[in-house]
Amino acid sequence: MIGLVGQKGTMTQLYDEKTGAVIPVTAIEVGECVVVGKRTVGRDGYNALQIGQGRPTKRQLTRPVAGVYKRAGVEPKRWLREVRVDNVDAYQVGQKLTVELFAPGDIVTVTGRTRGRGFSGGMRRWGWAGGPDSHGSMSHRRIGSVSSGSSPGRVYPHRTLPGHYGNEKLTVRGLKVVRIDKERGLLYVRGAIPGHRGSEVMVRKG
């Protein structure tokens, strides 16, 4: 399962000349991904490629990671991720991977991190209905009762409560590639993908 690392771009619309429909799409800026290293069954127990993408700043590039790029003879990248493949011999260290790996009509899986929303209340985090909206209720967005007092005398596990919301790994499957832009290194997929604009996403076939 080959894949590429990219950055989430803006959502826009594309016009389908055949059907006349307007398709909502998300642009993914892939640019050029570089093969930095290989993982083999004999040495590591599995086959995978280390893929780098993006331009890092000095703060983002640590000395251990910089050493990985130095040994590979590859210019340092912002992100370094692994992608499982069946045959690593088909790829070489330093090889560039572009959006040409995909074609319009391909079904892809996109993985990213959702937007972080900090500490949120139950209505925002879990979609609670809330209390009465009438004047004097004093319980519009409050938690209310969460368990019995004497028995069991505790809150059951998995109870929806206020807390940290967002910034979680999320995978969206079954997205269709609508268009690819080879010159700009853009991949347009139908629908929405997780993350904020500029965040890292992984795009894999299947």
N, C-alpha and C. Protein backbone atom coordinates (compact mmCIF):
# COMPACT_ATOMS: atom_id res chain seq x y z
N MET A 1 0.86 -1.19 0.00
CA MET A 1 0.00 0.00 0.00
C MET A 1 0.89 1.23 0.00
N ILE A 2 1.13 1.81 -1.16
CA ILE A 2 1.98 2.99 -1.26
C ILE A 2 1.16 4.22 -0.90
N GLY A 3 1.81 5.20 -0.35
CA GLY A 3 1.14 6.43 0.03
C GLY A 3 2.09 7.60 -0.02
N LEU A 4 1.55 8.79 0.15
CA LEU A 4 2.33 10.02 0.12
C LEU A 4 1.95 10.87 1.33
N VAL A 5 2.91 11.70 1.74
CA VAL A 5 2.69 12.64 2.82
C VAL A 5 2.46 14.02 2.22
N GLY A 6 1.46 14.73 2.70
CA GLY A 6 1.16 16.04 2.16
C GLY A 6 0.62 16.98 3.22
N GLN A 7 0.24 18.16 2.78
CA GLN A 7 -0.35 19.18 3.63
C GLN A 7 -1.77 19.47 3.16
N LYS A 8 -2.66 19.60 4.13
CA LYS A 8 -4.03 19.92 3.78
C LYS A 8 -4.12 21.35 3.26
N GLY A 9 -4.80 21.50 2.14
CA GLY A 9 -5.01 22.82 1.56
C GLY A 9 -6.43 23.30 1.82
N THR A 10 -6.90 24.14 0.94
CA THR A 10 -8.24 24.71 1.08
C THR A 10 -9.28 23.81 0.44
N MET A 11 -10.52 23.97 0.88
CA MET A 11 -11.64 23.31 0.21
C MET A 11 -12.15 24.23 -0.89
N THR A 12 -12.51 23.62 -2.00
CA THR A 12 -12.99 24.39 -3.14
C THR A 12 -14.01 23.55 -3.90
N GLN A 13 -14.38 24.00 -5.09
CA GLN A 13 -15.34 23.28 -5.92
C GLN A 13 -14.78 23.08 -7.31
N LEU A 14 -15.04 21.92 -7.87
CA LEU A 14 -14.66 21.62 -9.25
C LEU A 14 -15.92 21.29 -10.04
N TYR A 15 -15.90 21.68 -11.29
CA TYR A 15 -17.05 21.48 -12.17
C TYR A 15 -16.84 20.25 -13.05
N ASP A 16 -17.80 19.33 -13.00
CA ASP A 16 -17.75 18.13 -13.83
C ASP A 16 -18.45 18.43 -15.16
N GLU A 17 -17.66 18.47 -16.23
CA GLU A 17 -18.22 18.84 -17.53
C GLU A 17 -19.15 17.76 -18.08
N LYS A 18 -18.97 16.51 -17.68
CA LYS A 18 -19.81 15.43 -18.21
C LYS A 18 -21.20 15.45 -17.60
N THR A 19 -21.28 15.57 -16.29
CA THR A 19 -22.57 15.52 -15.61
C THR A 19 -23.13 16.90 -15.28
N GLY A 20 -22.28 17.92 -15.32
CA GLY A 20 -22.73 19.26 -14.98
C GLY A 20 -22.85 19.50 -13.49
N ALA A 21 -22.27 18.60 -12.68
CA ALA A 21 -22.37 18.72 -11.23
C ALA A 21 -21.19 19.50 -10.67
N VAL A 22 -21.43 20.16 -9.55
CA VAL A 22 -20.38 20.85 -8.83
C VAL A 22 -19.91 19.93 -7.71
N ILE A 23 -18.60 19.62 -7.68
CA ILE A 23 -18.06 18.63 -6.74
C ILE A 23 -17.27 19.35 -5.66
N PRO A 24 -17.60 19.17 -4.39
CA PRO A 24 -16.79 19.75 -3.31
C PRO A 24 -15.53 18.91 -3.11
N VAL A 25 -14.37 19.56 -3.13
CA VAL A 25 -13.10 18.85 -3.03
C VAL A 25 -12.19 19.55 -2.02
N THR A 26 -11.20 18.80 -1.55
CA THR A 26 -10.14 19.34 -0.70
C THR A 26 -8.82 19.16 -1.41
N ALA A 27 -8.04 20.22 -1.49
CA ALA A 27 -6.73 20.16 -2.13
C ALA A 27 -5.69 19.69 -1.12
N ILE A 28 -4.86 18.76 -1.54
CA ILE A 28 -3.76 18.26 -0.72
C ILE A 28 -2.46 18.56 -1.45
N GLU A 29 -1.60 19.35 -0.81
CA GLU A 29 -0.33 19.74 -1.42
C GLU A 29 0.72 18.67 -1.10
N VAL A 30 1.05 17.88 -2.11
CA VAL A 30 2.01 16.80 -1.94
C VAL A 30 3.41 17.24 -2.33
N GLY A 31 3.51 17.99 -3.43
CA GLY A 31 4.83 18.41 -3.90
C GLY A 31 5.66 17.21 -4.29
N GLU A 32 6.84 17.07 -3.68
CA GLU A 32 7.70 15.92 -3.93
C GLU A 32 8.03 15.23 -2.62
N CYS A 33 7.67 13.97 -2.51
CA CYS A 33 8.07 13.14 -1.38
C CYS A 33 9.34 12.38 -1.77
N VAL A 34 10.24 12.22 -0.81
CA VAL A 34 11.52 11.58 -1.08
C VAL A 34 11.64 10.34 -0.21
N VAL A 35 12.14 9.25 -0.81
CA VAL A 35 12.40 8.02 -0.06
C VAL A 35 13.69 8.21 0.74
N VAL A 36 13.58 8.20 2.06
CA VAL A 36 14.72 8.44 2.94
C VAL A 36 15.37 7.14 3.39
N GLY A 37 14.58 6.10 3.58
CA GLY A 37 15.13 4.83 4.04
C GLY A 37 14.16 3.70 3.76
N LYS A 38 14.63 2.47 4.05
CA LYS A 38 13.83 1.27 3.84
C LYS A 38 13.77 0.45 5.12
N ARG A 39 12.65 -0.22 5.30
CA ARG A 39 12.49 -1.22 6.35
C ARG A 39 12.26 -2.56 5.67
N THR A 40 13.05 -3.57 6.04
CA THR A 40 12.96 -4.87 5.41
C THR A 40 12.56 -5.94 6.42
N VAL A 41 12.03 -7.05 5.90
CA VAL A 41 11.58 -8.14 6.77
C VAL A 41 12.76 -8.75 7.50
N GLY A 42 13.89 -8.94 6.80
CA GLY A 42 15.04 -9.57 7.42
C GLY A 42 15.63 -8.76 8.56
N ARG A 43 15.62 -7.46 8.47
CA ARG A 43 16.23 -6.62 9.49
C ARG A 43 15.23 -6.08 10.49
N ASP A 44 14.04 -5.68 10.01
CA ASP A 44 13.07 -5.00 10.88
C ASP A 44 11.79 -5.80 11.12
N GLY A 45 11.59 -6.86 10.34
CA GLY A 45 10.39 -7.67 10.52
C GLY A 45 9.22 -7.26 9.65
N TYR A 46 9.36 -6.22 8.86
CA TYR A 46 8.29 -5.78 7.97
C TYR A 46 8.89 -4.95 6.84
N ASN A 47 8.13 -4.80 5.76
CA ASN A 47 8.57 -4.00 4.61
C ASN A 47 7.87 -2.64 4.65
N ALA A 48 8.67 -1.59 4.58
CA ALA A 48 8.11 -0.24 4.58
C ALA A 48 9.13 0.73 4.02
N LEU A 49 8.64 1.89 3.63
CA LEU A 49 9.49 2.97 3.15
C LEU A 49 9.40 4.14 4.12
N GLN A 50 10.53 4.78 4.38
CA GLN A 50 10.55 6.04 5.11
C GLN A 50 10.47 7.17 4.10
N ILE A 51 9.41 7.98 4.22
CA ILE A 51 9.16 9.04 3.25
C ILE A 51 9.23 10.39 3.95
N GLY A 52 9.97 11.33 3.36
CA GLY A 52 10.07 12.68 3.89
C GLY A 52 9.40 13.68 2.97
N GLN A 53 8.84 14.72 3.57
CA GLN A 53 8.15 15.73 2.78
C GLN A 53 8.15 17.06 3.53
N GLY A 54 8.20 18.17 2.78
CA GLY A 54 8.10 19.50 3.35
C GLY A 54 9.45 20.10 3.68
N ARG A 55 9.42 21.41 3.95
CA ARG A 55 10.64 22.14 4.32
C ARG A 55 10.63 22.44 5.80
N PRO A 56 11.63 21.96 6.54
CA PRO A 56 11.63 22.19 7.99
C PRO A 56 12.33 23.49 8.37
N THR A 57 12.02 23.97 9.55
CA THR A 57 12.77 25.07 10.15
C THR A 57 13.81 24.49 11.10
N LYS A 58 14.70 25.32 11.62
CA LYS A 58 15.72 24.84 12.54
C LYS A 58 15.10 24.27 13.81
N ARG A 59 14.02 24.85 14.23
CA ARG A 59 13.35 24.37 15.45
C ARG A 59 12.70 23.01 15.22
N GLN A 60 12.20 22.77 14.03
CA GLN A 60 11.51 21.52 13.74
C GLN A 60 12.46 20.36 13.47
N LEU A 61 13.71 20.65 13.13
CA LEU A 61 14.66 19.59 12.78
C LEU A 61 15.59 19.34 13.95
N THR A 62 15.42 18.19 14.61
CA THR A 62 16.29 17.83 15.72
C THR A 62 17.57 17.17 15.20
N ARG A 63 18.58 17.10 16.05
CA ARG A 63 19.85 16.52 15.64
C ARG A 63 19.74 15.03 15.29
N PRO A 64 19.01 14.21 16.06
CA PRO A 64 18.88 12.80 15.67
C PRO A 64 18.22 12.62 14.31
N VAL A 65 17.17 13.40 14.05
CA VAL A 65 16.48 13.27 12.76
C VAL A 65 17.37 13.80 11.64
N ALA A 66 18.12 14.86 11.91
CA ALA A 66 19.04 15.37 10.90
C ALA A 66 20.09 14.33 10.53
N GLY A 67 20.48 13.51 11.52
CA GLY A 67 21.44 12.45 11.23
C GLY A 67 20.89 11.40 10.30
N VAL A 68 19.58 11.14 10.39
CA VAL A 68 18.95 10.17 9.49
C VAL A 68 19.05 10.65 8.04
N TYR A 69 18.77 11.92 7.82
CA TYR A 69 18.87 12.46 6.46
C TYR A 69 20.32 12.51 5.99
N LYS A 70 21.24 12.81 6.89
CA LYS A 70 22.66 12.89 6.51
C LYS A 70 23.18 11.54 6.06
N ARG A 71 22.82 10.47 6.79
CA ARG A 71 23.26 9.13 6.40
C ARG A 71 22.66 8.70 5.07
N ALA A 72 21.42 9.15 4.82
CA ALA A 72 20.76 8.79 3.56
C ALA A 72 21.21 9.66 2.40
N GLY A 73 21.88 10.78 2.70
CA GLY A 73 22.30 11.68 1.64
C GLY A 73 21.14 12.42 1.01
N VAL A 74 20.12 12.71 1.83
CA VAL A 74 18.90 13.37 1.35
C VAL A 74 18.75 14.69 2.09
N GLU A 75 18.26 15.69 1.39
CA GLU A 75 18.00 16.99 2.02
C GLU A 75 16.95 16.84 3.12
N PRO A 76 17.14 17.42 4.30
CA PRO A 76 16.18 17.27 5.40
C PRO A 76 14.78 17.74 5.03
N LYS A 77 13.80 17.01 5.54
CA LYS A 77 12.40 17.32 5.30
C LYS A 77 11.69 17.60 6.63
N ARG A 78 10.51 18.19 6.52
CA ARG A 78 9.77 18.55 7.72
C ARG A 78 9.16 17.32 8.40
N TRP A 79 8.58 16.43 7.60
CA TRP A 79 7.93 15.24 8.15
C TRP A 79 8.64 13.99 7.65
N LEU A 80 8.75 13.00 8.51
CA LEU A 80 9.33 11.71 8.17
C LEU A 80 8.37 10.63 8.64
N ARG A 81 7.77 9.93 7.69
CA ARG A 81 6.76 8.93 8.01
C ARG A 81 7.06 7.62 7.28
N GLU A 82 6.49 6.53 7.80
CA GLU A 82 6.67 5.21 7.20
C GLU A 82 5.40 4.77 6.49
N VAL A 83 5.58 4.13 5.34
CA VAL A 83 4.46 3.61 4.56
C VAL A 83 4.75 2.15 4.23
N ARG A 84 3.83 1.26 4.56
CA ARG A 84 4.01 -0.15 4.28
C ARG A 84 3.90 -0.41 2.77
N VAL A 85 4.81 -1.23 2.25
CA VAL A 85 4.80 -1.64 0.85
C VAL A 85 5.10 -3.14 0.80
N ASP A 86 4.73 -3.76 -0.33
CA ASP A 86 4.98 -5.20 -0.50
C ASP A 86 6.43 -5.48 -0.89
N ASN A 87 6.98 -4.62 -1.75
CA ASN A 87 8.33 -4.85 -2.27
C ASN A 87 9.14 -3.56 -2.17
N VAL A 88 10.11 -3.53 -1.26
CA VAL A 88 10.94 -2.33 -1.11
C VAL A 88 12.02 -2.24 -2.18
N ASP A 89 12.28 -3.35 -2.86
CA ASP A 89 13.33 -3.34 -3.89
C ASP A 89 12.93 -2.51 -5.11
N ALA A 90 11.65 -2.23 -5.24
CA ALA A 90 11.19 -1.42 -6.37
C ALA A 90 11.47 0.06 -6.19
N TYR A 91 11.98 0.45 -5.01
CA TYR A 91 12.24 1.85 -4.72
C TYR A 91 13.68 2.02 -4.27
N GLN A 92 14.23 3.20 -4.52
CA GLN A 92 15.61 3.51 -4.16
C GLN A 92 15.64 4.72 -3.23
N VAL A 93 16.64 4.74 -2.33
CA VAL A 93 16.80 5.88 -1.43
C VAL A 93 17.14 7.12 -2.26
N GLY A 94 16.41 8.19 -2.00
CA GLY A 94 16.58 9.41 -2.79
C GLY A 94 15.59 9.55 -3.92
N GLN A 95 14.81 8.50 -4.16
CA GLN A 95 13.82 8.55 -5.24
C GLN A 95 12.69 9.50 -4.88
N LYS A 96 12.22 10.27 -5.84
CA LYS A 96 11.16 11.23 -5.62
C LYS A 96 9.82 10.63 -6.03
N LEU A 97 8.83 10.81 -5.17
CA LEU A 97 7.47 10.32 -5.42
C LEU A 97 6.55 11.52 -5.54
N THR A 98 5.77 11.57 -6.60
CA THR A 98 4.89 12.71 -6.87
C THR A 98 3.44 12.25 -6.94
N VAL A 99 2.56 13.20 -7.26
CA VAL A 99 1.13 12.90 -7.34
C VAL A 99 0.81 11.97 -8.50
N GLU A 100 1.77 11.71 -9.38
CA GLU A 100 1.53 10.81 -10.50
C GLU A 100 1.31 9.37 -10.04
N LEU A 101 1.57 9.08 -8.76
CA LEU A 101 1.24 7.76 -8.23
C LEU A 101 -0.27 7.53 -8.22
N PHE A 102 -1.03 8.62 -8.21
CA PHE A 102 -2.49 8.53 -8.20
C PHE A 102 -3.04 8.97 -9.55
N ALA A 103 -4.27 8.60 -9.79
CA ALA A 103 -4.95 8.98 -11.03
C ALA A 103 -6.40 9.31 -10.69
N PRO A 104 -7.04 10.19 -11.48
CA PRO A 104 -8.45 10.49 -11.23
C PRO A 104 -9.30 9.23 -11.24
N GLY A 105 -10.14 9.11 -10.23
CA GLY A 105 -10.97 7.92 -10.09
C GLY A 105 -10.47 6.95 -9.04
N ASP A 106 -9.22 7.10 -8.59
CA ASP A 106 -8.69 6.21 -7.56
C ASP A 106 -9.41 6.46 -6.22
N ILE A 107 -9.54 5.40 -5.44
CA ILE A 107 -10.11 5.48 -4.10
C ILE A 107 -8.95 5.51 -3.11
N VAL A 108 -8.92 6.51 -2.24
CA VAL A 108 -7.80 6.70 -1.32
C VAL A 108 -8.30 6.77 0.11
N THR A 109 -7.36 6.57 1.03
CA THR A 109 -7.60 6.71 2.46
C THR A 109 -6.73 7.84 2.99
N VAL A 110 -7.31 8.79 3.70
CA VAL A 110 -6.59 9.96 4.20
C VAL A 110 -6.59 9.92 5.73
N THR A 111 -5.39 10.05 6.31
CA THR A 111 -5.23 10.06 7.76
C THR A 111 -4.62 11.38 8.20
N GLY A 112 -5.19 11.99 9.21
CA GLY A 112 -4.67 13.24 9.75
C GLY A 112 -5.11 13.41 11.20
N ARG A 113 -4.81 14.56 11.76
CA ARG A 113 -5.21 14.89 13.13
C ARG A 113 -6.27 15.98 13.08
N THR A 114 -7.34 15.77 13.83
CA THR A 114 -8.43 16.72 13.84
C THR A 114 -8.00 18.03 14.51
N ARG A 115 -8.75 19.07 14.29
CA ARG A 115 -8.45 20.36 14.90
C ARG A 115 -8.58 20.28 16.42
N GLY A 116 -7.62 20.86 17.12
CA GLY A 116 -7.68 20.90 18.57
C GLY A 116 -8.61 22.00 19.05
N ARG A 117 -9.52 21.65 19.93
CA ARG A 117 -10.51 22.61 20.43
C ARG A 117 -10.39 22.85 21.93
N GLY A 118 -9.33 22.32 22.53
CA GLY A 118 -9.09 22.56 23.95
C GLY A 118 -10.14 21.90 24.83
N PHE A 119 -10.32 22.47 26.04
CA PHE A 119 -11.31 21.96 26.98
C PHE A 119 -12.68 22.46 26.55
N SER A 120 -13.59 21.53 26.28
CA SER A 120 -14.91 21.88 25.78
C SER A 120 -15.99 21.29 26.67
N GLY A 121 -17.14 21.93 26.67
CA GLY A 121 -18.28 21.44 27.43
C GLY A 121 -18.94 20.26 26.75
N GLY A 122 -19.88 19.65 27.48
CA GLY A 122 -20.52 18.45 26.95
C GLY A 122 -21.39 18.69 25.73
N MET A 123 -22.02 19.86 25.64
CA MET A 123 -22.88 20.13 24.50
C MET A 123 -22.06 20.25 23.22
N ARG A 124 -20.90 20.86 23.32
CA ARG A 124 -20.07 21.00 22.13
C ARG A 124 -19.33 19.70 21.82
N ARG A 125 -18.85 19.03 22.88
CA ARG A 125 -18.03 17.85 22.68
C ARG A 125 -18.84 16.62 22.27
N TRP A 126 -20.02 16.44 22.88
CA TRP A 126 -20.81 15.24 22.65
C TRP A 126 -22.17 15.51 22.04
N GLY A 127 -22.53 16.76 21.85
CA GLY A 127 -23.83 17.05 21.24
C GLY A 127 -24.99 16.88 22.18
N TRP A 128 -24.78 17.17 23.47
CA TRP A 128 -25.89 17.09 24.42
C TRP A 128 -27.02 18.03 24.00
N ALA A 129 -28.24 17.64 24.34
CA ALA A 129 -29.40 18.49 24.01
C ALA A 129 -29.47 19.71 24.92
N GLY A 130 -28.94 19.60 26.15
CA GLY A 130 -29.00 20.72 27.08
C GLY A 130 -30.29 20.72 27.89
N GLY A 131 -30.35 21.64 28.83
CA GLY A 131 -31.52 21.74 29.67
C GLY A 131 -32.59 22.66 29.07
N PRO A 132 -33.62 22.97 29.82
CA PRO A 132 -34.69 23.85 29.31
C PRO A 132 -34.14 25.24 28.96
N ASP A 133 -34.69 25.81 27.91
CA ASP A 133 -34.27 27.14 27.47
C ASP A 133 -35.11 28.24 28.10
N SER A 134 -36.09 27.87 28.88
CA SER A 134 -36.98 28.87 29.46
C SER A 134 -36.25 29.70 30.52
N HIS A 135 -36.79 30.90 30.78
CA HIS A 135 -36.19 31.80 31.75
C HIS A 135 -36.31 31.22 33.15
N GLY A 136 -35.18 31.27 33.90
CA GLY A 136 -35.20 30.78 35.26
C GLY A 136 -34.79 29.32 35.40
N SER A 137 -34.47 28.66 34.32
CA SER A 137 -34.10 27.24 34.40
C SER A 137 -32.80 27.05 35.18
N MET A 138 -31.83 27.92 34.95
CA MET A 138 -30.53 27.87 35.62
C MET A 138 -29.73 26.60 35.26
N SER A 139 -30.18 25.86 34.26
CA SER A 139 -29.49 24.64 33.88
C SER A 139 -29.53 24.47 32.37
N HIS A 140 -29.08 25.49 31.67
CA HIS A 140 -29.13 25.45 30.21
C HIS A 140 -28.06 24.53 29.62
N ARG A 141 -26.82 24.69 30.11
CA ARG A 141 -25.71 23.92 29.55
C ARG A 141 -24.92 23.15 30.61
N ARG A 142 -25.48 23.01 31.79
CA ARG A 142 -24.78 22.35 32.87
C ARG A 142 -24.78 20.83 32.70
N ILE A 143 -23.95 20.18 33.50
CA ILE A 143 -23.82 18.73 33.41
C ILE A 143 -25.05 18.03 33.95
N GLY A 144 -25.48 18.41 35.14
CA GLY A 144 -26.60 17.72 35.78
C GLY A 144 -26.15 16.45 36.46
N SER A 145 -27.05 15.53 36.72
CA SER A 145 -26.74 14.29 37.40
C SER A 145 -26.01 13.34 36.45
N VAL A 146 -24.98 12.67 36.97
CA VAL A 146 -24.22 11.73 36.15
C VAL A 146 -24.28 10.31 36.69
N SER A 147 -24.80 10.10 37.89
CA SER A 147 -24.88 8.75 38.45
C SER A 147 -25.73 8.76 39.71
N SER A 148 -25.97 7.58 40.25
CA SER A 148 -26.72 7.45 41.50
C SER A 148 -25.83 7.80 42.68
N GLY A 149 -26.42 8.20 43.77
CA GLY A 149 -25.66 8.62 44.93
C GLY A 149 -25.15 7.46 45.77
N SER A 150 -26.12 6.67 46.39
CA SER A 150 -25.67 5.59 47.27
C SER A 150 -25.20 4.37 46.51
N SER A 151 -25.86 4.00 45.44
CA SER A 151 -25.46 2.81 44.69
C SER A 151 -25.51 3.14 43.20
N PRO A 152 -24.42 3.06 42.48
CA PRO A 152 -23.12 2.52 42.90
C PRO A 152 -22.23 3.52 43.62
N GLY A 153 -22.65 4.77 43.74
CA GLY A 153 -21.81 5.75 44.42
C GLY A 153 -20.60 6.18 43.62
N ARG A 154 -20.64 5.99 42.34
CA ARG A 154 -19.52 6.39 41.47
C ARG A 154 -20.07 6.64 40.07
N VAL A 155 -19.25 7.21 39.22
CA VAL A 155 -19.64 7.47 37.84
C VAL A 155 -19.21 6.27 36.99
N TYR A 156 -20.12 5.76 36.20
CA TYR A 156 -19.80 4.62 35.33
C TYR A 156 -18.75 5.02 34.28
N PRO A 157 -17.91 4.08 33.88
CA PRO A 157 -16.95 4.38 32.82
C PRO A 157 -17.64 4.74 31.51
N HIS A 158 -16.93 5.46 30.67
CA HIS A 158 -17.39 5.86 29.32
C HIS A 158 -18.56 6.84 29.37
N ARG A 159 -18.75 7.50 30.50
CA ARG A 159 -19.79 8.53 30.57
C ARG A 159 -19.31 9.76 29.82
N THR A 160 -20.16 10.32 28.96
CA THR A 160 -19.77 11.52 28.22
C THR A 160 -19.76 12.71 29.15
N LEU A 161 -18.61 13.35 29.25
CA LEU A 161 -18.43 14.49 30.14
C LEU A 161 -17.60 15.55 29.44
N PRO A 162 -17.59 16.78 29.97
CA PRO A 162 -16.69 17.80 29.40
C PRO A 162 -15.23 17.37 29.51
N GLY A 163 -14.41 17.85 28.61
CA GLY A 163 -13.00 17.49 28.63
C GLY A 163 -12.31 17.94 27.36
N HIS A 164 -11.10 17.39 27.15
CA HIS A 164 -10.31 17.76 25.97
C HIS A 164 -11.00 17.27 24.71
N TYR A 165 -11.09 18.14 23.73
CA TYR A 165 -11.82 17.84 22.50
C TYR A 165 -10.93 18.12 21.30
N GLY A 166 -10.84 17.18 20.38
CA GLY A 166 -10.07 17.36 19.16
C GLY A 166 -8.63 16.89 19.31
N ASN A 167 -7.82 17.20 18.29
CA ASN A 167 -6.40 16.82 18.24
C ASN A 167 -6.25 15.31 18.39
N GLU A 168 -7.06 14.57 17.62
CA GLU A 168 -7.01 13.12 17.63
C GLU A 168 -6.76 12.61 16.22
N LYS A 169 -6.10 11.47 16.14
CA LYS A 169 -5.84 10.85 14.85
C LYS A 169 -7.14 10.33 14.26
N LEU A 170 -7.40 10.68 13.01
CA LEU A 170 -8.65 10.30 12.35
C LEU A 170 -8.35 9.85 10.92
N THR A 171 -8.97 8.76 10.52
CA THR A 171 -8.80 8.22 9.17
C THR A 171 -10.14 8.25 8.45
N VAL A 172 -10.14 8.78 7.24
CA VAL A 172 -11.34 8.83 6.40
C VAL A 172 -11.08 7.94 5.19
N ARG A 173 -11.96 6.96 4.99
CA ARG A 173 -11.79 6.00 3.90
C ARG A 173 -12.78 6.28 2.78
N GLY A 174 -12.47 5.73 1.62
CA GLY A 174 -13.39 5.79 0.49
C GLY A 174 -13.49 7.13 -0.19
N LEU A 175 -12.43 7.95 -0.10
CA LEU A 175 -12.44 9.23 -0.80
C LEU A 175 -11.97 9.05 -2.24
N LYS A 176 -12.58 9.75 -3.14
CA LYS A 176 -12.29 9.60 -4.56
C LYS A 176 -11.41 10.74 -5.05
N VAL A 177 -10.36 10.38 -5.80
CA VAL A 177 -9.50 11.39 -6.41
C VAL A 177 -10.23 11.99 -7.61
N VAL A 178 -10.44 13.29 -7.58
CA VAL A 178 -11.17 13.97 -8.66
C VAL A 178 -10.22 14.51 -9.71
N ARG A 179 -9.11 15.09 -9.27
CA ARG A 179 -8.16 15.69 -10.22
C ARG A 179 -6.77 15.73 -9.60
N ILE A 180 -5.74 15.67 -10.44
CA ILE A 180 -4.37 15.86 -9.99
C ILE A 180 -3.74 16.99 -10.81
N ASP A 181 -2.91 17.78 -10.15
CA ASP A 181 -2.20 18.88 -10.79
C ASP A 181 -0.71 18.57 -10.68
N LYS A 182 -0.11 18.04 -11.74
CA LYS A 182 1.29 17.62 -11.71
C LYS A 182 2.24 18.80 -11.52
N GLU A 183 1.95 19.91 -12.16
CA GLU A 183 2.85 21.06 -12.10
C GLU A 183 2.93 21.65 -10.69
N ARG A 184 1.80 21.76 -10.03
CA ARG A 184 1.75 22.34 -8.69
C ARG A 184 1.84 21.30 -7.58
N GLY A 185 1.81 20.02 -7.94
CA GLY A 185 1.89 18.96 -6.94
C GLY A 185 0.67 18.88 -6.05
N LEU A 186 -0.51 19.09 -6.64
CA LEU A 186 -1.76 19.10 -5.87
C LEU A 186 -2.60 17.87 -6.20
N LEU A 187 -3.26 17.37 -5.18
CA LEU A 187 -4.15 16.23 -5.31
C LEU A 187 -5.52 16.66 -4.78
N TYR A 188 -6.54 16.57 -5.62
CA TYR A 188 -7.89 16.98 -5.23
C TYR A 188 -8.73 15.74 -4.95
N VAL A 189 -9.21 15.63 -3.70
CA VAL A 189 -10.07 14.50 -3.31
C VAL A 189 -11.45 15.02 -2.98
N ARG A 190 -12.44 14.20 -3.25
CA ARG A 190 -13.82 14.61 -3.01
C ARG A 190 -14.13 14.58 -1.52
N GLY A 191 -14.77 15.64 -1.03
CA GLY A 191 -15.19 15.70 0.35
C GLY A 191 -14.17 16.35 1.26
N ALA A 192 -14.40 16.21 2.57
CA ALA A 192 -13.57 16.86 3.58
C ALA A 192 -12.61 15.85 4.19
N ILE A 193 -11.49 16.35 4.69
CA ILE A 193 -10.50 15.52 5.36
C ILE A 193 -10.17 16.16 6.71
N PRO A 194 -9.64 15.39 7.66
CA PRO A 194 -9.38 15.94 9.00
C PRO A 194 -8.22 16.92 9.01
N GLY A 195 -8.19 17.79 10.03
CA GLY A 195 -7.08 18.70 10.23
C GLY A 195 -7.39 20.13 9.82
N HIS A 196 -6.47 21.03 10.19
CA HIS A 196 -6.59 22.42 9.79
C HIS A 196 -5.74 22.66 8.55
N ARG A 197 -5.88 23.81 7.97
CA ARG A 197 -5.13 24.13 6.76
C ARG A 197 -3.63 24.16 7.05
N GLY A 198 -2.89 23.41 6.26
CA GLY A 198 -1.44 23.33 6.47
C GLY A 198 -1.00 22.16 7.33
N SER A 199 -1.94 21.40 7.88
CA SER A 199 -1.59 20.27 8.73
C SER A 199 -1.15 19.09 7.88
N GLU A 200 -0.44 18.17 8.53
CA GLU A 200 0.09 17.00 7.82
C GLU A 200 -0.99 15.95 7.65
N VAL A 201 -1.05 15.34 6.46
CA VAL A 201 -1.97 14.25 6.19
C VAL A 201 -1.22 13.15 5.42
N MET A 202 -1.69 11.94 5.58
CA MET A 202 -1.15 10.80 4.86
C MET A 202 -2.20 10.29 3.89
N VAL A 203 -1.84 10.17 2.62
CA VAL A 203 -2.77 9.71 1.58
C VAL A 203 -2.28 8.36 1.09
N ARG A 204 -3.15 7.34 1.19
CA ARG A 204 -2.79 6.00 0.76
C ARG A 204 -3.85 5.46 -0.19
N LYS A 205 -3.43 4.61 -1.11
CA LYS A 205 -4.37 3.98 -2.02
C LYS A 205 -5.18 2.93 -1.29
N GLY A 206 -6.42 2.78 -1.71
CA GLY A 206 -7.27 1.76 -1.13
C GLY A 206 -8.16 2.28 -0.01
